[in-house]
């Protein structure tokens, strides 16, 4: 690839850059041994629908070299715990590292975040704000880059996995609760319950209608896998189980995801989460998955980490949350 000094940054081009972006992210993650290899279609879906927090042609930057992307970066914002967090992601091809390209992209992203406050595209103007990002701790180069750029780690999380050929225990639902088939008329109640339950988590993101639409229109959305416990007309807790066949094919492993494990306050401490977890494990096993996976905050206040460990989940990746004053 061309030398860094010959590379110029340019805006992301929605019409032609998705395939090259998929190749870049895959090359980076294969090199860094992180199992996320997004397809072109996946990236297009993620970035297609316009929403207030991110516009790729406004908030993303790339650098070309020899007909492919040498690097890319983007910034989005989210309202969390009474402040706006401007989150960055940066991808530099392994062939182009340690030449300053990541530093140039970070400078552009920070400038774009500041500009968004002025032009009104960066979230509520009356809230305090910070720069943020995340990295896999097994990548020491990324950790060193963050520290050098003034982004110390403030929190950790885990992606956890559990082999599905191990025995799955029996756990009954608490009395008075039942799991029902998910119907379209249930979507809003399930969503609202999940949002409410996650308000107790660290820096819960304020979700938007765009998030709701995206969840229930995702091509991999399969409500037959979801485990939703009802107490009469109220949702007590749920797990939004998902399988992503294209992603599994690209990494060569059949992974089933326990997404959004949530129990509302009135039903905590009764064993509901345990019952929903074992039901979810069986569903993934019966669908032919080899491994179950989920994400968790290392300091989750509801004790989720200990609960997942109880059911055989172990950390696969440790995720560091980094921050810098705005």
Protein backbone atom coordinates (compact mmCIF):
# COMPACT_ATOMS: atom_id res chain seq x y z
CA UNK A 1 0.00 0.00 0.00
CA UNK A 2 1.06 3.60 -0.57
CA UNK A 3 3.08 5.50 1.97
CA UNK A 4 1.18 7.48 4.57
CA UNK A 5 2.47 10.82 3.44
CA UNK A 6 0.64 10.38 0.13
CA UNK A 7 -2.74 9.64 1.72
CA UNK A 8 -5.42 12.28 2.07
CA UNK A 9 -8.54 12.04 4.18
CA UNK A 10 -11.88 12.34 2.41
CA UNK A 11 -15.57 12.02 3.36
CA UNK A 12 -17.22 8.62 3.28
CA UNK A 13 -19.03 7.95 0.00
CA UNK A 14 -22.23 6.00 0.63
CA UNK A 15 -22.51 5.02 -3.04
CA UNK A 16 -19.20 3.16 -3.32
CA UNK A 17 -17.37 2.73 -0.01
CA UNK A 18 -19.32 -0.01 1.78
CA UNK A 19 -17.52 -2.98 0.16
CA UNK A 20 -14.11 -1.43 0.86
CA UNK A 21 -15.16 -0.61 4.43
CA UNK A 22 -16.21 -4.23 4.98
CA UNK A 23 -12.83 -5.41 3.70
CA UNK A 24 -10.98 -2.93 5.92
CA UNK A 25 -12.80 -3.86 9.12
CA UNK A 26 -12.37 -7.55 8.38
CA UNK A 27 -8.64 -7.14 7.73
CA UNK A 28 -8.22 -5.22 10.99
CA UNK A 29 -10.21 -7.72 13.06
CA UNK A 30 -8.53 -10.78 11.58
CA UNK A 31 -5.16 -9.22 12.41
CA UNK A 32 -6.31 -8.28 15.93
CA UNK A 33 -8.02 -11.66 16.49
CA UNK A 34 -11.48 -10.22 17.10
CA UNK A 35 -14.40 -12.19 15.69
CA UNK A 36 -16.48 -9.52 13.96
CA UNK A 37 -16.27 -9.60 10.17
CA UNK A 38 -19.16 -7.48 8.88
CA UNK A 39 -20.57 -7.97 5.40
CA UNK A 40 -21.26 -5.14 2.98
CA UNK A 41 -25.00 -5.71 3.42
CA UNK A 42 -24.69 -5.56 7.19
CA UNK A 43 -22.88 -2.23 7.11
CA UNK A 44 -25.33 -0.81 4.59
CA UNK A 45 -28.23 -1.79 6.83
CA UNK A 46 -26.58 -0.31 9.90
CA UNK A 47 -25.87 2.99 8.17
CA UNK A 48 -28.79 3.19 5.74
CA UNK A 49 -31.62 4.67 7.76
CA UNK A 50 -31.04 8.35 8.55
CA UNK A 51 -31.13 9.17 12.23
CA UNK A 52 -30.12 12.06 14.40
CA UNK A 53 -27.03 10.61 16.04
CA UNK A 54 -25.03 9.62 12.95
CA UNK A 55 -24.87 10.41 9.24
CA UNK A 56 -22.01 8.57 7.47
CA UNK A 57 -21.51 11.23 4.82
CA UNK A 58 -21.25 13.88 7.53
CA UNK A 59 -19.64 11.98 10.42
CA UNK A 60 -17.28 9.47 8.78
CA UNK A 61 -13.85 9.92 7.18
CA UNK A 62 -11.68 7.55 5.14
CA UNK A 63 -8.26 7.34 3.50
CA UNK A 64 -7.56 5.49 0.22
CA UNK A 65 -4.49 3.58 -0.91
CA UNK A 66 -4.12 1.53 -4.10
CA UNK A 67 -7.84 1.17 -4.65
CA UNK A 68 -8.76 0.12 -1.14
CA UNK A 69 -9.31 1.83 2.20
CA UNK A 70 -6.22 2.29 4.33
CA UNK A 71 -8.21 3.64 7.26
CA UNK A 72 -11.63 4.86 8.34
CA UNK A 73 -13.20 6.48 11.34
CA UNK A 74 -16.59 7.74 12.44
CA UNK A 75 -18.20 9.58 15.32
CA UNK A 76 -21.72 9.26 16.68
CA UNK A 77 -23.34 10.58 19.82
CA UNK A 78 -25.63 9.20 22.50
CA UNK A 79 -27.30 10.72 25.52
CA UNK A 80 -26.19 8.84 28.63
CA UNK A 81 -26.87 9.63 32.28
CA UNK A 82 -27.47 13.33 31.75
CA UNK A 83 -24.62 13.95 29.32
CA UNK A 84 -23.78 13.53 25.65
CA UNK A 85 -21.04 11.01 24.81
CA UNK A 86 -19.38 11.47 21.40
CA UNK A 87 -18.15 7.96 20.62
CA UNK A 88 -15.43 7.24 18.05
CA UNK A 89 -14.39 4.15 16.13
CA UNK A 90 -11.14 4.07 14.16
CA UNK A 91 -9.89 1.33 11.82
CA UNK A 92 -6.36 1.40 10.40
CA UNK A 93 -5.20 -1.36 8.07
CA UNK A 94 -2.35 -3.39 9.62
CA UNK A 95 -0.09 -2.36 6.71
CA UNK A 96 -0.55 1.32 7.55
CA UNK A 97 -0.12 1.40 11.30
CA UNK A 98 2.41 3.35 13.36
CA UNK A 99 2.70 6.13 10.80
CA UNK A 100 0.29 8.65 12.33
CA UNK A 101 -2.83 7.90 10.30
CA UNK A 102 -4.89 6.97 13.35
CA UNK A 103 -3.83 10.20 15.05
CA UNK A 104 -4.92 12.23 12.01
CA UNK A 105 -8.29 10.53 11.92
CA UNK A 106 -8.84 11.00 15.66
CA UNK A 107 -8.10 14.72 15.31
CA UNK A 108 -10.69 14.95 12.52
CA UNK A 109 -13.28 13.09 14.58
CA UNK A 110 -12.75 15.30 17.62
CA UNK A 111 -13.08 18.39 15.41
CA UNK A 112 -16.25 16.98 13.83
CA UNK A 113 -17.74 16.35 17.29
CA UNK A 114 -17.04 19.95 18.32
CA UNK A 115 -18.51 21.18 15.05
CA UNK A 116 -21.66 19.13 15.65
CA UNK A 117 -22.35 21.08 18.82
CA UNK A 118 -22.24 24.32 16.84
CA UNK A 119 -24.35 23.13 13.88
CA UNK A 120 -26.95 21.43 16.10
CA UNK A 121 -26.35 17.84 14.96
CA UNK A 122 -24.52 16.77 18.13
CA UNK A 123 -27.30 16.22 20.63
CA UNK A 124 -28.99 18.42 23.26
CA UNK A 125 -27.05 21.66 23.52
CA UNK A 126 -27.72 22.14 27.23
CA UNK A 127 -26.02 18.91 28.36
CA UNK A 128 -22.36 18.42 29.31
CA UNK A 129 -20.40 16.19 26.95
CA UNK A 130 -17.32 13.98 26.69
CA UNK A 131 -15.33 12.16 24.01
CA UNK A 132 -15.43 8.37 24.26
CA UNK A 133 -14.57 5.07 22.67
CA UNK A 134 -13.86 1.42 23.33
CA UNK A 135 -11.14 -1.11 22.67
CA UNK A 136 -10.31 -4.76 23.19
CA UNK A 137 -7.73 -5.00 25.96
CA UNK A 138 -5.96 -7.89 24.23
CA UNK A 139 -4.77 -5.34 21.66
CA UNK A 140 -1.95 -3.51 23.50
CA UNK A 141 -1.31 -1.17 20.56
CA UNK A 142 -4.88 0.16 20.75
CA UNK A 143 -4.59 0.61 24.51
CA UNK A 144 -1.31 2.51 24.13
CA UNK A 145 -2.81 4.70 21.40
CA UNK A 146 -5.74 5.61 23.65
CA UNK A 147 -3.51 6.53 26.58
CA UNK A 148 -1.21 8.61 24.38
CA UNK A 149 -4.23 10.46 22.98
CA UNK A 150 -5.50 11.29 26.47
CA UNK A 151 -8.21 8.63 26.75
CA UNK A 152 -7.84 6.71 30.05
CA UNK A 153 -9.96 3.63 30.76
CA UNK A 154 -12.90 4.30 33.06
CA UNK A 155 -14.85 1.03 32.86
CA UNK A 156 -14.62 -2.56 31.64
CA UNK A 157 -17.04 -5.00 30.10
CA UNK A 158 -16.91 -8.55 28.81
CA UNK A 159 -18.12 -10.52 25.85
CA UNK A 160 -18.83 -13.89 27.46
CA UNK A 161 -19.32 -17.29 25.85
CA UNK A 162 -20.54 -20.72 26.90
CA UNK A 163 -20.21 -24.03 25.00
CA UNK A 164 -23.62 -25.52 24.34
CA UNK A 165 -22.45 -29.12 24.51
CA UNK A 166 -22.15 -28.73 28.28
CA UNK A 167 -25.17 -29.75 30.42
CA UNK A 168 -27.87 -27.12 30.85
CA UNK A 169 -29.52 -27.14 34.30
CA UNK A 170 -33.24 -27.10 34.99
CA UNK A 171 -34.65 -23.84 36.38
CA UNK A 172 -38.39 -23.31 36.71
CA UNK A 173 -40.13 -20.01 36.10
CA UNK A 174 -41.18 -18.21 39.29
CA UNK A 175 -44.80 -18.68 40.24
CA UNK A 176 -47.34 -16.42 38.56
CA UNK A 177 -45.23 -15.89 35.43
CA UNK A 178 -45.52 -17.46 31.99
CA UNK A 179 -43.54 -17.26 28.75
CA UNK A 180 -45.72 -16.43 25.75
CA UNK A 181 -45.26 -16.38 22.01
CA UNK A 182 -44.15 -12.95 20.80
CA UNK A 183 -46.81 -11.31 18.62
CA UNK A 184 -46.53 -7.97 16.77
CA UNK A 185 -48.91 -6.33 19.22
CA UNK A 186 -46.45 -7.21 22.01
CA UNK A 187 -43.45 -5.45 20.49
CA UNK A 188 -43.95 -2.08 22.16
CA UNK A 189 -44.57 -3.54 25.62
CA UNK A 190 -41.47 -5.76 25.37
CA UNK A 191 -39.38 -2.83 24.19
CA UNK A 192 -40.62 -0.49 26.93
CA UNK A 193 -39.95 -3.14 29.57
CA UNK A 194 -36.40 -3.64 28.33
CA UNK A 195 -35.73 0.12 28.26
CA UNK A 196 -37.07 0.46 31.80
CA UNK A 197 -34.94 -2.41 33.13
CA UNK A 198 -31.75 -1.04 31.57
CA UNK A 199 -32.24 2.34 33.25
CA UNK A 200 -30.51 0.80 36.28
CA UNK A 201 -27.38 0.01 34.27
CA UNK A 202 -24.30 2.20 34.14
CA UNK A 203 -24.77 5.07 31.69
CA UNK A 204 -27.87 3.60 30.08
CA UNK A 205 -28.21 5.07 26.60
CA UNK A 206 -31.36 7.05 25.89
CA UNK A 207 -32.96 5.01 23.12
CA UNK A 208 -34.88 6.52 20.24
CA UNK A 209 -37.69 5.47 17.93
CA UNK A 210 -35.00 4.69 15.37
CA UNK A 211 -33.66 2.02 17.75
CA UNK A 212 -37.13 0.47 18.05
CA UNK A 213 -37.68 0.34 14.29
CA UNK A 214 -34.20 -1.03 13.66
CA UNK A 215 -34.69 -3.85 16.19
CA UNK A 216 -38.02 -5.04 14.84
CA UNK A 217 -37.12 -4.73 11.15
CA UNK A 218 -33.70 -6.38 11.28
CA UNK A 219 -33.52 -9.20 8.70
CA UNK A 220 -32.25 -11.57 11.40
CA UNK A 221 -35.13 -10.70 13.75
CA UNK A 222 -36.69 -13.99 14.87
CA UNK A 223 -39.21 -13.55 17.70
CA UNK A 224 -39.76 -17.31 17.92
CA UNK A 225 -36.43 -17.42 19.81
CA UNK A 226 -37.26 -14.64 22.24
CA UNK A 227 -38.04 -15.52 25.83
CA UNK A 228 -40.54 -13.06 27.31
CA UNK A 229 -42.04 -13.63 30.75
CA UNK A 230 -45.42 -12.05 31.48
CA UNK A 231 -47.17 -11.31 34.75
CA UNK A 232 -50.71 -10.84 33.56
CA UNK A 233 -50.61 -7.94 31.11
CA UNK A 234 -47.13 -6.78 32.19
CA UNK A 235 -43.75 -7.88 30.87
CA UNK A 236 -41.63 -8.98 33.83
CA UNK A 237 -38.44 -9.75 31.91
CA UNK A 238 -37.09 -10.89 28.57
CA UNK A 239 -34.14 -12.11 26.54
CA UNK A 240 -34.02 -11.10 22.87
CA UNK A 241 -32.24 -14.15 21.46
CA UNK A 242 -30.72 -13.82 18.01
CA UNK A 243 -28.67 -15.82 15.51
CA UNK A 244 -26.70 -14.00 12.79
CA UNK A 245 -26.06 -16.60 10.05
CA UNK A 246 -23.91 -14.40 7.78
CA UNK A 247 -21.67 -13.34 10.65
CA UNK A 248 -21.36 -16.94 11.84
CA UNK A 249 -20.39 -18.11 8.37
CA UNK A 250 -17.66 -15.46 8.15
CA UNK A 251 -16.04 -16.40 11.46
CA UNK A 252 -16.63 -20.13 11.04
CA UNK A 253 -18.45 -20.63 14.33
CA UNK A 254 -22.14 -21.15 15.13
CA UNK A 255 -22.81 -18.51 17.81
CA UNK A 256 -26.19 -17.80 19.38
CA UNK A 257 -26.63 -14.47 21.14
CA UNK A 258 -28.52 -13.74 24.33
CA UNK A 259 -29.19 -10.08 23.59
CA UNK A 260 -30.73 -7.68 26.10
CA UNK A 261 -31.09 -9.86 29.17
CA UNK A 262 -33.42 -7.75 31.31
CA UNK A 263 -35.69 -8.12 34.33
CA UNK A 264 -37.77 -5.26 35.71
CA UNK A 265 -37.27 -4.29 39.36
CA UNK A 266 -40.47 -5.80 40.83
CA UNK A 267 -39.46 -9.27 39.59
CA UNK A 268 -35.75 -9.29 40.44
CA UNK A 269 -34.33 -11.65 43.00
CA UNK A 270 -36.85 -14.41 42.25
CA UNK A 271 -34.86 -16.49 39.77
CA UNK A 272 -36.55 -15.12 36.65
CA UNK A 273 -33.29 -14.25 34.88
CA UNK A 274 -31.97 -17.75 35.59
CA UNK A 275 -35.09 -19.36 34.14
CA UNK A 276 -34.95 -17.23 30.99
CA UNK A 277 -31.22 -17.92 30.54
CA UNK A 278 -31.57 -21.71 30.62
CA UNK A 279 -34.56 -21.56 28.28
CA UNK A 280 -32.46 -19.44 25.91
CA UNK A 281 -29.51 -21.83 26.08
CA UNK A 282 -31.76 -24.73 25.09
CA UNK A 283 -33.20 -22.81 22.16
CA UNK A 284 -29.75 -22.00 20.80
CA UNK A 285 -28.60 -25.58 21.31
CA UNK A 286 -31.71 -26.91 19.56
CA UNK A 287 -31.11 -24.51 16.65
CA UNK A 288 -27.69 -26.10 16.13
CA UNK A 289 -25.52 -23.45 17.74
CA UNK A 290 -22.19 -24.49 19.25
CA UNK A 291 -21.68 -21.52 21.55
CA UNK A 292 -23.89 -19.00 23.38
CA UNK A 293 -22.64 -15.44 23.79
CA UNK A 294 -23.64 -12.22 25.52
CA UNK A 295 -22.17 -8.92 26.67
CA UNK A 296 -22.04 -7.60 30.23
CA UNK A 297 -20.71 -4.63 32.17
CA UNK A 298 -17.97 -5.82 34.52
CA UNK A 299 -19.52 -3.84 37.40
CA UNK A 300 -23.18 -4.49 36.58
CA UNK A 301 -25.16 -3.41 39.67
CA UNK A 302 -27.67 -6.27 39.42
CA UNK A 303 -25.00 -8.98 39.73
CA UNK A 304 -25.35 -10.13 36.12
CA UNK A 305 -21.69 -11.11 35.80
CA UNK A 306 -21.88 -13.57 38.70
CA UNK A 307 -25.14 -14.95 37.35
CA UNK A 308 -23.67 -15.62 33.91
CA UNK A 309 -20.62 -17.28 35.45
CA UNK A 310 -22.98 -19.53 37.43
CA UNK A 311 -24.39 -20.81 34.13
CA UNK A 312 -21.01 -21.49 32.58
CA UNK A 313 -20.27 -18.27 30.72
CA UNK A 314 -16.63 -17.15 30.67
CA UNK A 315 -15.04 -13.97 29.26
CA UNK A 316 -13.89 -14.22 25.65
CA UNK A 317 -12.99 -10.55 25.20
CA UNK A 318 -12.48 -7.76 27.72
CA UNK A 319 -13.73 -4.40 26.51
CA UNK A 320 -12.31 -1.14 27.90
CA UNK A 321 -14.37 2.06 27.85
CA UNK A 322 -12.15 5.12 27.40
CA UNK A 323 -13.04 8.77 27.89
CA UNK A 324 -11.59 12.23 27.45
CA UNK A 325 -12.93 15.63 28.58
CA UNK A 326 -14.68 17.50 25.79
